[in-house]
Amino acid sequence: MCTQSVGLAAAVFEERGISTACIALVRSVADRLRPPRALAVPFDFGLPLGAAGDAELQLRVLRALLALVTEPGPGPLLREYR
């Protein structure tokens, strides 16, 4: 799903008391939309967790994403994955 659609859905879930964390492939859209909690990643479209077959990288991205859920919210909170 696109950054905008997921960010809008996340806001609705957060309004209903369900914590969310989104992966943002397009930082400029996330900056404009300001989702409750998002992790901006530097990967290509279709690879939101990084390169296929790189399980270590994918686990690091998932851990960084899930760590956002522990942050008080809803934000907006936008972190950059490096």
Protein backbone atom coordinates (compact mmCIF):
# COMPACT_ATOMS: atom_id res chain seq x y z
CA MET A 1 0.00 0.00 0.00
CA CYS A 2 1.15 3.54 -0.51
CA THR A 3 2.55 5.73 2.24
CA GLN A 4 -0.47 8.01 2.08
CA SER A 5 -3.11 5.26 2.35
CA VAL A 6 -1.35 3.51 5.22
CA GLY A 7 -0.79 6.78 7.07
CA LEU A 8 -4.46 7.73 6.78
CA ALA A 9 -5.57 4.27 7.95
CA ALA A 10 -3.13 4.45 10.87
CA ALA A 11 -4.66 7.71 12.04
CA VAL A 12 -8.12 6.10 12.10
CA PHE A 13 -6.85 3.11 14.09
CA GLU A 14 -5.07 5.40 16.56
CA GLU A 15 -8.29 7.38 17.09
CA ARG A 16 -9.87 4.11 18.17
CA GLY A 17 -7.07 3.30 20.62
CA ILE A 18 -5.08 0.86 18.47
CA SER A 19 -1.36 1.65 18.29
CA THR A 20 0.18 1.63 14.83
CA ALA A 21 3.57 1.94 13.16
CA CYS A 22 4.00 2.45 9.41
CA ILE A 23 6.86 2.04 6.99
CA ALA A 24 7.24 5.10 4.77
CA LEU A 25 8.95 4.57 1.43
CA VAL A 26 8.36 8.19 0.38
CA ARG A 27 9.64 10.54 3.07
CA SER A 28 8.10 13.67 1.53
CA VAL A 29 4.61 12.12 1.69
CA ALA A 30 5.13 11.07 5.30
CA ASP A 31 6.36 14.58 6.17
CA ARG A 32 3.20 16.08 4.68
CA LEU A 33 0.78 13.47 6.04
CA ARG A 34 2.33 13.19 9.53
CA PRO A 35 1.22 9.64 10.42
CA PRO A 36 1.01 8.74 14.14
CA ARG A 37 4.23 6.67 14.06
CA ALA A 38 6.31 5.99 10.96
CA LEU A 39 9.73 4.71 9.99
CA ALA A 40 11.12 6.28 6.83
CA VAL A 41 13.25 3.72 5.00
CA PRO A 42 15.72 4.30 2.13
CA PHE A 43 14.68 1.25 0.12
CA ASP A 44 13.19 0.93 -3.37
CA PHE A 45 9.49 0.45 -4.01
CA GLY A 46 8.53 -3.16 -3.42
CA LEU A 47 11.29 -3.66 -0.85
CA PRO A 48 10.01 -1.96 2.32
CA LEU A 49 12.19 -4.17 4.54
CA GLY A 50 15.29 -4.00 2.37
CA ALA A 51 16.93 -6.37 -0.07
CA ALA A 52 15.29 -9.72 -0.72
CA GLY A 53 17.15 -12.52 1.03
CA ASP A 54 18.83 -10.24 3.58
CA ALA A 55 17.12 -11.60 6.68
CA GLU A 56 19.39 -9.74 9.11
CA LEU A 57 18.58 -6.38 7.55
CA GLN A 58 14.88 -7.20 7.44
CA LEU A 59 14.87 -8.11 11.13
CA ARG A 60 16.66 -4.85 12.01
CA VAL A 61 14.05 -2.87 10.08
CA LEU A 62 11.17 -4.75 11.75
CA ARG A 63 12.69 -4.23 15.20
CA ALA A 64 13.10 -0.51 14.53
CA LEU A 65 9.49 -0.35 13.33
CA LEU A 66 8.09 -2.25 16.32
CA ALA A 67 10.11 -0.08 18.71
CA LEU A 68 8.01 2.87 17.53
CA VAL A 69 4.90 1.25 19.00
CA THR A 70 6.41 1.62 22.48
CA GLU A 71 6.66 5.39 22.00
CA PRO A 72 3.91 7.47 23.58
CA GLY A 73 1.43 8.42 20.97
CA PRO A 74 -0.13 9.11 18.84
CA GLY A 75 2.65 11.33 17.50
CA PRO A 76 3.18 12.37 14.87
CA LEU A 77 6.51 10.60 15.14
CA LEU A 78 8.66 10.07 12.07
CA ARG A 79 12.00 8.32 12.48
CA GLU A 80 14.60 7.74 9.82
CA TYR A 81 15.99 4.21 9.43
CA ARG A 82 19.74 4.25 8.81
